[in-house]
Amino acid sequence: METLKSSSYLLYRDLKIRYSSIYQKRWYWRGDIMKYSFLLFAAILFSCSIFAQVKVPFEQFFEDGTLRIDYFSAGTKTEETISLDELRKEPYWAGSKTNLLDPFNYGKYIVKVFDLNTNQLIYSRGYCTLFGEWQTTDEAARGLRRTFHNSALIPYPKNKVQVTISTRDRENIFREIYSIVIDPNSHQIKKDRPYRDSKVHKLLYNGEPSKKV
């Protein structure tokens, strides 16, 4: 009789342990389903927000060329001032002609281009500079001032535009530090091509750069 009771108890304990284990696995499995469902839902919302952005027609605001804005960044770890060096027109635009508004805003800086007539944002791109990297050094933290040369590239506008450069602060918010109105027909924009007589030989060609970058 005692042997029968002992066997029954052991069988009951074994079944209880197995049932408890199965219940926990089902609970964890349900938790994983909820977690991955939430991540999938967030990814879908993020993708929709990107594709829902207003598409800027390249041909309406730009021509096939690049406006190179050369400027100086000067300052310390906590200070930065920008002064214009020169404006130069380059013959081709190698960037995208369809995704003109940056959906990610990566980088320490962001350049924005506004159509002056409508105040519409027609181009934006995040980027980084050597000056921004130097600001993280001990030399900059000691208060030493240095100047670096930088360039911002935008599609060549057809009409007057306002170009702004903003930097990301410690709270991850972009603060505008420079603004300039540019007339694409200005004589101050250098349009000479010092290497126009040079010959370029294509070793490998897979299509237009604007569709590959």
N, C-alpha and C. Protein backbone atom coordinates (compact mmCIF):
# COMPACT_ATOMS: atom_id res chain seq x y z
N MET A 1 0.83 -1.21 0.00
CA MET A 1 0.00 0.00 0.00
C MET A 1 0.86 1.25 0.00
N GLU A 2 1.90 1.25 0.82
CA GLU A 2 2.79 2.41 0.88
C GLU A 2 3.49 2.62 -0.46
N THR A 3 3.84 1.49 -1.07
CA THR A 3 4.51 1.59 -2.39
C THR A 3 3.59 2.22 -3.42
N LEU A 4 2.29 1.87 -3.35
CA LEU A 4 1.31 2.44 -4.29
C LEU A 4 1.14 3.93 -4.07
N LYS A 5 1.08 4.35 -2.78
CA LYS A 5 0.96 5.78 -2.47
C LYS A 5 2.17 6.55 -2.96
N SER A 6 3.35 5.94 -2.73
CA SER A 6 4.59 6.61 -3.15
C SER A 6 4.63 6.76 -4.66
N SER A 7 4.23 5.72 -5.36
CA SER A 7 4.23 5.78 -6.83
C SER A 7 3.24 6.82 -7.33
N SER A 8 2.06 6.87 -6.68
CA SER A 8 1.06 7.85 -7.09
C SER A 8 1.55 9.27 -6.86
N TYR A 9 2.24 9.48 -5.74
CA TYR A 9 2.77 10.83 -5.43
C TYR A 9 3.82 11.24 -6.45
N LEU A 10 4.71 10.29 -6.77
CA LEU A 10 5.77 10.60 -7.74
C LEU A 10 5.17 10.91 -9.11
N LEU A 11 4.12 10.13 -9.49
CA LEU A 11 3.47 10.38 -10.77
C LEU A 11 2.79 11.75 -10.76
N TYR A 12 2.15 12.12 -9.67
CA TYR A 12 1.50 13.42 -9.55
C TYR A 12 2.52 14.55 -9.63
N ARG A 13 3.64 14.40 -8.97
CA ARG A 13 4.68 15.44 -8.99
C ARG A 13 5.27 15.60 -10.37
N ASP A 14 5.49 14.46 -11.04
CA ASP A 14 6.06 14.51 -12.39
C ASP A 14 5.12 15.22 -13.36
N LEU A 15 3.81 14.90 -13.26
CA LEU A 15 2.84 15.55 -14.12
C LEU A 15 2.73 17.04 -13.82
N LYS A 16 2.83 17.40 -12.54
CA LYS A 16 2.74 18.81 -12.16
C LYS A 16 3.92 19.60 -12.71
N ILE A 17 5.12 19.00 -12.61
CA ILE A 17 6.32 19.67 -13.11
C ILE A 17 6.24 19.86 -14.63
N ARG A 18 5.79 18.79 -15.31
CA ARG A 18 5.71 18.88 -16.77
C ARG A 18 4.68 19.93 -17.20
N TYR A 19 3.53 19.91 -16.53
CA TYR A 19 2.48 20.88 -16.86
C TYR A 19 2.96 22.30 -16.59
N SER A 20 3.66 22.48 -15.48
CA SER A 20 4.19 23.80 -15.16
C SER A 20 5.19 24.25 -16.20
N SER A 21 6.04 23.33 -16.64
CA SER A 21 7.05 23.67 -17.66
C SER A 21 6.39 24.05 -18.97
N ILE A 22 5.36 23.26 -19.35
CA ILE A 22 4.66 23.56 -20.60
C ILE A 22 3.95 24.91 -20.51
N TYR A 23 3.36 25.20 -19.35
CA TYR A 23 2.66 26.47 -19.16
C TYR A 23 3.62 27.65 -19.26
N GLN A 24 4.81 27.50 -18.67
CA GLN A 24 5.80 28.57 -18.73
C GLN A 24 6.28 28.79 -20.16
N LYS A 25 6.50 27.68 -20.87
CA LYS A 25 6.95 27.82 -22.26
C LYS A 25 5.89 28.53 -23.10
N ARG A 26 4.61 28.15 -22.86
CA ARG A 26 3.54 28.83 -23.60
C ARG A 26 3.49 30.31 -23.24
N TRP A 27 3.73 30.65 -21.99
CA TRP A 27 3.73 32.04 -21.57
C TRP A 27 4.87 32.82 -22.23
N TYR A 28 6.07 32.21 -22.23
CA TYR A 28 7.21 32.86 -22.86
C TYR A 28 6.97 33.01 -24.37
N TRP A 29 6.35 31.95 -24.95
CA TRP A 29 6.08 32.00 -26.38
C TRP A 29 5.11 33.12 -26.71
N ARG A 30 4.08 33.28 -25.87
CA ARG A 30 3.12 34.37 -26.07
C ARG A 30 3.81 35.73 -25.90
N GLY A 31 4.74 35.81 -24.94
CA GLY A 31 5.48 37.06 -24.75
C GLY A 31 6.34 37.41 -25.94
N ASP A 32 6.99 36.38 -26.55
CA ASP A 32 7.81 36.61 -27.74
C ASP A 32 6.95 37.07 -28.91
N ILE A 33 5.76 36.46 -29.06
CA ILE A 33 4.86 36.86 -30.14
C ILE A 33 4.47 38.33 -29.99
N MET A 34 4.16 38.74 -28.76
CA MET A 34 3.77 40.14 -28.53
C MET A 34 4.93 41.07 -28.81
N LYS A 35 6.13 40.67 -28.39
CA LYS A 35 7.30 41.52 -28.58
C LYS A 35 7.60 41.70 -30.07
N TYR A 36 7.63 40.60 -30.83
CA TYR A 36 7.95 40.69 -32.24
C TYR A 36 6.82 41.36 -33.03
N SER A 37 5.60 41.20 -32.58
CA SER A 37 4.48 41.88 -33.23
C SER A 37 4.61 43.40 -33.07
N PHE A 38 5.02 43.82 -31.87
CA PHE A 38 5.22 45.25 -31.63
C PHE A 38 6.35 45.80 -32.50
N LEU A 39 7.46 45.04 -32.61
CA LEU A 39 8.58 45.49 -33.43
C LEU A 39 8.18 45.57 -34.89
N LEU A 40 7.40 44.59 -35.36
CA LEU A 40 6.95 44.62 -36.74
C LEU A 40 6.03 45.80 -36.99
N PHE A 41 5.15 46.07 -36.05
CA PHE A 41 4.23 47.20 -36.17
C PHE A 41 5.00 48.52 -36.22
N ALA A 42 6.03 48.65 -35.36
CA ALA A 42 6.84 49.87 -35.35
C ALA A 42 7.59 50.03 -36.66
N ALA A 43 8.12 48.91 -37.21
CA ALA A 43 8.84 48.98 -38.48
C ALA A 43 7.92 49.41 -39.62
N ILE A 44 6.68 48.90 -39.60
CA ILE A 44 5.72 49.27 -40.64
C ILE A 44 5.37 50.76 -40.55
N LEU A 45 5.18 51.26 -39.33
CA LEU A 45 4.88 52.68 -39.15
C LEU A 45 6.03 53.54 -39.64
N PHE A 46 7.29 53.12 -39.32
CA PHE A 46 8.47 53.88 -39.73
C PHE A 46 8.59 53.90 -41.25
N SER A 47 8.34 52.75 -41.89
CA SER A 47 8.42 52.69 -43.35
C SER A 47 7.35 53.57 -43.99
N CYS A 48 6.15 53.53 -43.41
CA CYS A 48 5.06 54.36 -43.95
C CYS A 48 5.37 55.84 -43.82
N SER A 49 6.00 56.23 -42.71
CA SER A 49 6.33 57.64 -42.52
C SER A 49 7.37 58.11 -43.53
N ILE A 50 8.27 57.19 -43.94
CA ILE A 50 9.28 57.55 -44.93
C ILE A 50 8.64 57.72 -46.31
N PHE A 51 7.82 56.72 -46.70
CA PHE A 51 7.23 56.77 -48.03
C PHE A 51 6.14 57.82 -48.14
N ALA A 52 5.60 58.24 -46.97
CA ALA A 52 4.54 59.24 -47.00
C ALA A 52 5.08 60.66 -47.13
N GLN A 53 6.40 60.81 -47.11
CA GLN A 53 6.96 62.15 -47.21
C GLN A 53 6.66 62.76 -48.58
N VAL A 54 6.57 64.07 -48.59
CA VAL A 54 6.29 64.79 -49.82
C VAL A 54 7.46 64.62 -50.79
N LYS A 55 7.16 64.20 -51.99
CA LYS A 55 8.19 64.04 -53.01
C LYS A 55 8.42 65.38 -53.71
N VAL A 56 9.67 65.78 -53.76
CA VAL A 56 10.03 67.04 -54.41
C VAL A 56 10.44 66.75 -55.85
N PRO A 57 9.77 67.32 -56.84
CA PRO A 57 10.15 67.09 -58.24
C PRO A 57 11.47 67.78 -58.56
N PHE A 58 12.47 67.00 -58.91
CA PHE A 58 13.81 67.53 -59.15
C PHE A 58 13.81 68.57 -60.26
N GLU A 59 13.14 68.27 -61.37
CA GLU A 59 13.18 69.16 -62.54
C GLU A 59 12.51 70.50 -62.28
N GLN A 60 11.63 70.57 -61.30
CA GLN A 60 10.94 71.84 -61.02
C GLN A 60 11.85 72.84 -60.32
N PHE A 61 12.74 72.35 -59.47
CA PHE A 61 13.54 73.25 -58.65
C PHE A 61 15.04 73.22 -58.98
N PHE A 62 15.52 72.17 -59.64
CA PHE A 62 16.96 72.02 -59.85
C PHE A 62 17.28 71.68 -61.30
N GLU A 63 18.53 71.93 -61.64
CA GLU A 63 19.06 71.47 -62.91
C GLU A 63 20.16 70.46 -62.64
N ASP A 64 20.60 69.76 -63.69
CA ASP A 64 21.59 68.71 -63.52
C ASP A 64 22.97 69.33 -63.30
N GLY A 65 23.25 69.66 -62.06
CA GLY A 65 24.51 70.26 -61.68
C GLY A 65 24.61 70.28 -60.17
N THR A 66 25.78 70.64 -59.66
CA THR A 66 26.02 70.68 -58.22
C THR A 66 26.48 72.08 -57.81
N LEU A 67 25.90 72.58 -56.74
CA LEU A 67 26.38 73.82 -56.12
C LEU A 67 27.21 73.44 -54.90
N ARG A 68 28.50 73.68 -55.00
CA ARG A 68 29.40 73.36 -53.89
C ARG A 68 29.62 74.59 -53.03
N ILE A 69 29.24 74.46 -51.76
CA ILE A 69 29.37 75.57 -50.82
C ILE A 69 30.58 75.30 -49.95
N ASP A 70 31.66 76.00 -50.21
CA ASP A 70 32.88 75.86 -49.42
C ASP A 70 32.86 76.87 -48.27
N TYR A 71 33.12 76.41 -47.06
CA TYR A 71 33.07 77.31 -45.91
C TYR A 71 34.07 76.89 -44.85
N PHE A 72 34.29 77.80 -43.90
CA PHE A 72 35.20 77.55 -42.78
C PHE A 72 34.40 77.38 -41.50
N SER A 73 34.74 76.36 -40.72
CA SER A 73 34.19 76.17 -39.38
C SER A 73 35.29 76.48 -38.37
N ALA A 74 35.01 77.38 -37.45
CA ALA A 74 36.00 77.78 -36.45
C ALA A 74 35.35 77.76 -35.07
N GLY A 75 36.17 77.42 -34.05
CA GLY A 75 35.64 77.44 -32.70
C GLY A 75 36.35 76.49 -31.77
N THR A 76 35.65 76.12 -30.69
CA THR A 76 36.19 75.22 -29.68
C THR A 76 35.24 74.03 -29.53
N LYS A 77 35.32 73.37 -28.39
CA LYS A 77 34.45 72.22 -28.15
C LYS A 77 32.98 72.63 -28.09
N THR A 78 32.71 73.79 -27.53
CA THR A 78 31.33 74.22 -27.30
C THR A 78 30.91 75.38 -28.20
N GLU A 79 31.81 75.91 -29.02
CA GLU A 79 31.49 77.05 -29.87
C GLU A 79 31.82 76.72 -31.32
N GLU A 80 31.02 77.28 -32.22
CA GLU A 80 31.30 77.11 -33.64
C GLU A 80 30.70 78.27 -34.43
N THR A 81 31.51 78.84 -35.31
CA THR A 81 31.04 79.87 -36.23
C THR A 81 31.41 79.46 -37.65
N ILE A 82 30.56 79.82 -38.59
CA ILE A 82 30.76 79.46 -40.00
C ILE A 82 30.92 80.73 -40.82
N SER A 83 31.91 80.73 -41.71
CA SER A 83 32.11 81.85 -42.63
C SER A 83 32.29 81.28 -44.04
N LEU A 84 31.69 81.95 -45.02
CA LEU A 84 31.71 81.47 -46.39
C LEU A 84 33.08 81.66 -47.03
N ASP A 85 33.52 80.65 -47.76
CA ASP A 85 34.76 80.73 -48.53
C ASP A 85 34.43 81.07 -49.98
N GLU A 86 33.72 80.16 -50.67
CA GLU A 86 33.34 80.42 -52.05
C GLU A 86 32.20 79.50 -52.46
N LEU A 87 31.54 79.88 -53.57
CA LEU A 87 30.50 79.07 -54.19
C LEU A 87 30.99 78.64 -55.56
N ARG A 88 30.77 77.36 -55.88
CA ARG A 88 31.26 76.86 -57.16
C ARG A 88 30.23 75.93 -57.80
N LYS A 89 30.03 76.10 -59.10
CA LYS A 89 29.12 75.24 -59.85
C LYS A 89 29.91 74.11 -60.49
N GLU A 90 29.43 72.89 -60.28
CA GLU A 90 30.02 71.72 -60.91
C GLU A 90 29.03 71.14 -61.91
N PRO A 91 29.49 70.51 -62.98
CA PRO A 91 28.62 70.20 -64.13
C PRO A 91 27.59 69.10 -63.91
N TYR A 92 27.76 68.24 -62.92
CA TYR A 92 26.84 67.12 -62.77
C TYR A 92 26.37 67.00 -61.32
N TRP A 93 25.16 66.42 -61.16
CA TRP A 93 24.66 66.08 -59.83
C TRP A 93 24.67 64.56 -59.71
N ALA A 94 25.49 64.06 -58.80
CA ALA A 94 25.67 62.62 -58.66
C ALA A 94 24.75 62.00 -57.61
N GLY A 95 24.01 62.84 -56.88
CA GLY A 95 23.11 62.32 -55.85
C GLY A 95 21.78 61.89 -56.42
N SER A 96 20.90 61.45 -55.53
CA SER A 96 19.58 61.00 -55.95
C SER A 96 18.74 62.17 -56.45
N LYS A 97 17.94 61.90 -57.48
CA LYS A 97 17.02 62.92 -58.00
C LYS A 97 15.58 62.64 -57.57
N THR A 98 15.40 61.60 -56.79
CA THR A 98 14.05 61.25 -56.32
C THR A 98 13.92 61.43 -54.81
N ASN A 99 14.94 61.06 -54.05
CA ASN A 99 14.89 61.21 -52.59
C ASN A 99 15.68 62.46 -52.20
N LEU A 100 15.03 63.60 -52.33
CA LEU A 100 15.71 64.86 -52.07
C LEU A 100 15.62 65.29 -50.60
N LEU A 101 14.66 64.75 -49.87
CA LEU A 101 14.52 65.08 -48.46
C LEU A 101 15.02 63.92 -47.62
N ASP A 102 15.99 64.19 -46.76
CA ASP A 102 16.61 63.14 -45.95
C ASP A 102 15.62 62.65 -44.88
N PRO A 103 15.23 61.37 -44.90
CA PRO A 103 14.28 60.87 -43.90
C PRO A 103 14.93 60.45 -42.58
N PHE A 104 16.28 60.36 -42.56
CA PHE A 104 16.96 59.82 -41.39
C PHE A 104 17.64 60.88 -40.53
N ASN A 105 18.13 61.96 -41.17
CA ASN A 105 18.81 63.05 -40.44
C ASN A 105 20.00 62.54 -39.64
N TYR A 106 20.78 61.64 -40.25
CA TYR A 106 21.99 61.16 -39.59
C TYR A 106 23.06 62.25 -39.63
N GLY A 107 24.03 62.15 -38.74
CA GLY A 107 25.16 63.08 -38.74
C GLY A 107 25.00 64.22 -37.76
N LYS A 108 26.10 64.91 -37.53
CA LYS A 108 26.10 66.04 -36.60
C LYS A 108 25.51 67.29 -37.23
N TYR A 109 25.56 67.38 -38.55
CA TYR A 109 25.07 68.57 -39.25
C TYR A 109 23.97 68.19 -40.25
N ILE A 110 23.19 69.18 -40.62
CA ILE A 110 22.21 69.00 -41.68
C ILE A 110 22.12 70.29 -42.48
N VAL A 111 22.16 70.14 -43.81
CA VAL A 111 22.00 71.28 -44.70
C VAL A 111 20.60 71.21 -45.29
N LYS A 112 19.91 72.36 -45.31
CA LYS A 112 18.56 72.45 -45.84
C LYS A 112 18.50 73.55 -46.89
N VAL A 113 17.71 73.30 -47.92
CA VAL A 113 17.54 74.26 -49.01
C VAL A 113 16.05 74.58 -49.12
N PHE A 114 15.73 75.88 -49.08
CA PHE A 114 14.35 76.35 -49.18
C PHE A 114 14.18 77.19 -50.44
N ASP A 115 13.10 76.91 -51.16
CA ASP A 115 12.77 77.77 -52.30
C ASP A 115 12.36 79.13 -51.76
N LEU A 116 13.01 80.18 -52.24
CA LEU A 116 12.80 81.51 -51.66
C LEU A 116 11.41 82.06 -51.96
N ASN A 117 10.81 81.66 -53.08
CA ASN A 117 9.49 82.18 -53.44
C ASN A 117 8.37 81.58 -52.60
N THR A 118 8.48 80.28 -52.30
CA THR A 118 7.40 79.58 -51.59
C THR A 118 7.78 79.18 -50.17
N ASN A 119 9.05 79.32 -49.83
CA ASN A 119 9.56 78.89 -48.52
C ASN A 119 9.42 77.38 -48.32
N GLN A 120 9.33 76.63 -49.41
CA GLN A 120 9.20 75.17 -49.35
C GLN A 120 10.57 74.53 -49.19
N LEU A 121 10.64 73.53 -48.32
CA LEU A 121 11.87 72.76 -48.17
C LEU A 121 11.99 71.84 -49.38
N ILE A 122 13.07 72.02 -50.16
CA ILE A 122 13.22 71.25 -51.39
C ILE A 122 14.43 70.32 -51.37
N TYR A 123 15.25 70.44 -50.35
CA TYR A 123 16.40 69.53 -50.24
C TYR A 123 16.92 69.55 -48.81
N SER A 124 17.34 68.38 -48.32
CA SER A 124 17.99 68.30 -47.01
C SER A 124 18.89 67.08 -46.98
N ARG A 125 19.99 67.18 -46.25
CA ARG A 125 20.92 66.05 -46.13
C ARG A 125 21.74 66.20 -44.87
N GLY A 126 21.84 65.12 -44.09
CA GLY A 126 22.69 65.10 -42.91
C GLY A 126 24.11 64.69 -43.27
N TYR A 127 25.07 65.20 -42.53
CA TYR A 127 26.47 64.88 -42.83
C TYR A 127 27.33 65.17 -41.61
N CYS A 128 28.60 64.79 -41.69
CA CYS A 128 29.57 65.03 -40.62
C CYS A 128 30.77 65.77 -41.20
N THR A 129 31.55 66.39 -40.33
CA THR A 129 32.74 67.13 -40.76
C THR A 129 33.92 66.80 -39.86
N LEU A 130 35.11 67.16 -40.31
CA LEU A 130 36.31 66.98 -39.49
C LEU A 130 36.28 67.90 -38.27
N PHE A 131 35.69 69.08 -38.44
CA PHE A 131 35.60 69.98 -37.30
C PHE A 131 34.74 69.37 -36.20
N GLY A 132 33.62 68.76 -36.58
CA GLY A 132 32.77 68.11 -35.60
C GLY A 132 33.47 66.98 -34.89
N GLU A 133 34.32 66.26 -35.61
CA GLU A 133 35.10 65.19 -34.97
C GLU A 133 36.16 65.77 -34.04
N TRP A 134 36.79 66.87 -34.49
CA TRP A 134 37.83 67.50 -33.66
C TRP A 134 37.24 68.03 -32.35
N GLN A 135 35.99 68.44 -32.35
CA GLN A 135 35.36 68.96 -31.13
C GLN A 135 35.30 67.93 -30.00
N THR A 136 35.47 66.66 -30.33
CA THR A 136 35.43 65.61 -29.31
C THR A 136 36.80 65.34 -28.69
N THR A 137 37.84 66.04 -29.13
CA THR A 137 39.20 65.79 -28.64
C THR A 137 39.49 66.58 -27.36
N ASP A 138 40.53 66.16 -26.65
CA ASP A 138 40.97 66.87 -25.44
C ASP A 138 41.47 68.27 -25.79
N GLU A 139 42.07 68.40 -26.95
CA GLU A 139 42.58 69.70 -27.39
C GLU A 139 41.46 70.73 -27.46
N ALA A 140 40.32 70.33 -28.01
CA ALA A 140 39.18 71.24 -28.09
C ALA A 140 38.60 71.52 -26.72
N ALA A 141 38.61 70.51 -25.84
CA ALA A 141 38.06 70.69 -24.50
C ALA A 141 38.88 71.68 -23.68
N ARG A 142 40.16 71.81 -24.00
CA ARG A 142 41.02 72.76 -23.26
C ARG A 142 40.78 74.21 -23.70
N GLY A 143 39.93 74.41 -24.71
CA GLY A 143 39.61 75.78 -25.13
C GLY A 143 40.40 76.27 -26.31
N LEU A 144 41.24 75.41 -26.92
CA LEU A 144 42.01 75.83 -28.08
C LEU A 144 41.09 76.02 -29.28
N ARG A 145 41.27 77.11 -30.01
CA ARG A 145 40.44 77.41 -31.17
C ARG A 145 41.16 76.95 -32.44
N ARG A 146 40.39 76.29 -33.31
CA ARG A 146 40.94 75.86 -34.59
C ARG A 146 39.92 76.12 -35.70
N THR A 147 40.42 76.12 -36.95
CA THR A 147 39.58 76.36 -38.12
C THR A 147 39.76 75.22 -39.11
N PHE A 148 38.65 74.71 -39.62
CA PHE A 148 38.68 73.63 -40.61
C PHE A 148 37.89 74.06 -41.84
N HIS A 149 38.32 73.55 -42.99
CA HIS A 149 37.63 73.84 -44.24
C HIS A 149 36.65 72.71 -44.54
N ASN A 150 35.41 73.07 -44.87
CA ASN A 150 34.38 72.08 -45.15
C ASN A 150 33.64 72.44 -46.43
N SER A 151 32.86 71.49 -46.92
CA SER A 151 32.05 71.71 -48.12
C SER A 151 30.69 71.06 -47.94
N ALA A 152 29.66 71.72 -48.43
CA ALA A 152 28.31 71.17 -48.47
C ALA A 152 27.87 71.15 -49.93
N LEU A 153 27.36 70.01 -50.39
CA LEU A 153 26.95 69.85 -51.78
C LEU A 153 25.43 69.78 -51.86
N ILE A 154 24.87 70.59 -52.77
CA ILE A 154 23.43 70.57 -53.00
C ILE A 154 23.19 70.58 -54.51
N PRO A 155 22.02 70.12 -54.96
CA PRO A 155 21.70 70.23 -56.39
C PRO A 155 21.67 71.70 -56.81
N TYR A 156 22.06 71.97 -58.05
CA TYR A 156 22.12 73.36 -58.50
C TYR A 156 20.70 73.90 -58.71
N PRO A 157 20.33 74.95 -57.97
CA PRO A 157 18.94 75.45 -58.04
C PRO A 157 18.69 76.26 -59.30
N LYS A 158 17.42 76.28 -59.72
CA LYS A 158 17.03 77.09 -60.87
C LYS A 158 16.71 78.53 -60.47
N ASN A 159 16.23 78.70 -59.24
CA ASN A 159 15.85 80.02 -58.75
C ASN A 159 16.56 80.30 -57.42
N LYS A 160 16.31 81.49 -56.87
CA LYS A 160 16.93 81.86 -55.61
C LYS A 160 16.48 80.92 -54.49
N VAL A 161 17.43 80.57 -53.64
CA VAL A 161 17.15 79.66 -52.53
C VAL A 161 17.80 80.20 -51.26
N GLN A 162 17.29 79.74 -50.14
CA GLN A 162 17.91 80.00 -48.84
C GLN A 162 18.50 78.70 -48.34
N VAL A 163 19.77 78.72 -48.02
CA VAL A 163 20.47 77.53 -47.54
C VAL A 163 20.82 77.73 -46.07
N THR A 164 20.46 76.76 -45.25
CA THR A 164 20.78 76.82 -43.83
C THR A 164 21.61 75.61 -43.43
N ILE A 165 22.50 75.81 -42.46
CA ILE A 165 23.29 74.71 -41.89
C ILE A 165 23.02 74.69 -40.40
N SER A 166 22.65 73.53 -39.90
CA SER A 166 22.34 73.38 -38.48
C SER A 166 23.23 72.30 -37.88
N THR A 167 23.51 72.44 -36.58
CA THR A 167 24.33 71.47 -35.88
C THR A 167 23.51 70.84 -34.75
N ARG A 168 23.82 69.58 -34.45
CA ARG A 168 23.08 68.86 -33.42
C ARG A 168 23.68 69.17 -32.05
N ASP A 169 22.83 69.55 -31.07
CA ASP A 169 23.32 69.88 -29.75
C ASP A 169 23.31 68.65 -28.84
N ARG A 170 23.62 68.85 -27.55
CA ARG A 170 23.71 67.74 -26.61
C ARG A 170 22.36 67.09 -26.34
N GLU A 171 21.27 67.80 -26.65
CA GLU A 171 19.93 67.25 -26.47
C GLU A 171 19.40 66.63 -27.75
N ASN A 172 20.30 66.44 -28.74
CA ASN A 172 19.95 65.80 -30.01
C ASN A 172 18.98 66.63 -30.84
N ILE A 173 19.03 67.95 -30.66
CA ILE A 173 18.18 68.87 -31.41
C ILE A 173 19.06 69.71 -32.34
N PHE A 174 18.62 69.87 -33.59
CA PHE A 174 19.38 70.67 -34.54
C PHE A 174 19.15 72.16 -34.27
N ARG A 175 20.26 72.90 -34.19
CA ARG A 175 20.23 74.35 -34.00
C ARG A 175 20.88 75.03 -35.21
N GLU A 176 20.17 75.95 -35.82
CA GLU A 176 20.72 76.64 -36.99
C GLU A 176 21.87 77.54 -36.60
N ILE A 177 22.99 77.42 -37.33
CA ILE A 177 24.16 78.24 -37.04
C ILE A 177 24.61 79.06 -38.26
N TYR A 178 23.97 78.82 -39.42
CA TYR A 178 24.37 79.59 -40.60
C TYR A 178 23.22 79.61 -41.60
N SER A 179 23.07 80.75 -42.28
CA SER A 179 22.04 80.90 -43.30
C SER A 179 22.53 81.85 -44.38
N ILE A 180 22.20 81.54 -45.62
CA ILE A 180 22.61 82.39 -46.73
C ILE A 180 21.59 82.28 -47.86
N VAL A 181 21.32 83.40 -48.52
CA VAL A 181 20.46 83.42 -49.71
C VAL A 181 21.37 83.38 -50.93
N ILE A 182 21.08 82.45 -51.85
CA ILE A 182 21.95 82.25 -53.01
C ILE A 182 21.14 82.45 -54.29
N ASP A 183 21.66 83.30 -55.15
CA ASP A 183 21.09 83.51 -56.48
C ASP A 183 21.91 82.67 -57.46
N PRO A 184 21.32 81.68 -58.12
CA PRO A 184 22.10 80.82 -59.02
C PRO A 184 22.70 81.55 -60.21
N ASN A 185 22.21 82.75 -60.49
CA ASN A 185 22.74 83.54 -61.61
C ASN A 185 23.80 84.55 -61.17
N SER A 186 24.19 84.50 -59.90
CA SER A 186 25.15 85.45 -59.38
C SER A 186 26.53 85.26 -60.02
N HIS A 187 27.19 86.39 -60.27
CA HIS A 187 28.54 86.33 -60.83
C HIS A 187 29.56 85.86 -59.80
N GLN A 188 29.15 85.81 -58.53
CA GLN A 188 30.06 85.37 -57.48
C GLN A 188 30.23 83.84 -57.43
N ILE A 189 29.37 83.14 -58.17
CA ILE A 189 29.49 81.68 -58.23
C ILE A 189 30.50 81.33 -59.33
N LYS A 190 31.55 80.65 -58.95
CA LYS A 190 32.59 80.28 -59.91
C LYS A 190 32.09 79.12 -60.77
N LYS A 191 32.19 79.31 -62.07
CA LYS A 191 31.68 78.30 -63.00
C LYS A 191 32.76 77.76 -63.93
N ASP A 192 34.00 78.10 -63.65
CA ASP A 192 35.08 77.60 -64.48
C ASP A 192 35.30 76.11 -64.22
N ARG A 193 35.76 75.42 -65.23
CA ARG A 193 36.03 73.99 -65.12
C ARG A 193 37.49 73.74 -65.43
N PRO A 194 38.33 73.69 -64.40
CA PRO A 194 39.78 73.58 -64.63
C PRO A 194 40.20 72.27 -65.29
N TYR A 195 39.35 71.23 -65.22
CA TYR A 195 39.74 69.94 -65.79
C TYR A 195 38.83 69.53 -66.95
N ARG A 196 38.26 70.52 -67.64
CA ARG A 196 37.29 70.20 -68.68
C ARG A 196 37.93 69.53 -69.88
N ASP A 197 39.23 69.70 -70.07
CA ASP A 197 39.90 69.08 -71.22
C ASP A 197 40.43 67.69 -70.89
N SER A 198 40.26 67.27 -69.64
CA SER A 198 40.75 65.94 -69.26
C SER A 198 39.80 64.86 -69.79
N LYS A 199 40.37 63.75 -70.20
CA LYS A 199 39.58 62.64 -70.73
C LYS A 199 39.34 61.61 -69.64
N VAL A 200 38.11 61.13 -69.59
CA VAL A 200 37.73 60.11 -68.61
C VAL A 200 37.41 58.82 -69.35
N HIS A 201 38.04 57.73 -68.91
CA HIS A 201 37.81 56.43 -69.52
C HIS A 201 37.03 55.56 -68.52
N LYS A 202 35.88 55.05 -68.95
CA LYS A 202 35.05 54.22 -68.09
C LYS A 202 35.59 52.79 -68.06
N LEU A 203 35.95 52.34 -66.88
CA LEU A 203 36.40 50.96 -66.72
C LEU A 203 35.23 50.03 -66.43
N LEU A 204 34.24 50.55 -65.70
CA LEU A 204 33.04 49.77 -65.39
C LEU A 204 31.88 50.73 -65.25
N TYR A 205 30.81 50.49 -65.99
CA TYR A 205 29.65 51.39 -65.97
C TYR A 205 28.38 50.58 -65.75
N ASN A 206 27.69 50.86 -64.64
CA ASN A 206 26.47 50.15 -64.29
C ASN A 206 25.23 51.04 -64.30
N GLY A 207 25.36 52.24 -64.84
CA GLY A 207 24.21 53.14 -64.88
C GLY A 207 24.54 54.51 -64.35
N GLU A 208 23.53 55.40 -64.39
CA GLU A 208 23.71 56.77 -63.93
C GLU A 208 23.99 56.81 -62.42
N PRO A 209 24.94 57.66 -61.98
CA PRO A 209 25.25 57.75 -60.55
C PRO A 209 24.05 58.15 -59.70
N SER A 210 23.15 58.99 -60.25
CA SER A 210 21.99 59.43 -59.48
C SER A 210 21.04 58.30 -59.14
N LYS A 211 21.16 57.17 -59.84
CA LYS A 211 20.31 56.01 -59.57
C LYS A 211 21.05 54.90 -58.86
N LYS A 212 22.33 55.13 -58.55
CA LYS A 212 23.14 54.09 -57.94
C LYS A 212 23.65 54.47 -56.56
N VAL A 213 23.57 55.75 -56.20
CA VAL A 213 24.12 56.20 -54.92
C VAL A 213 23.00 56.32 -53.91
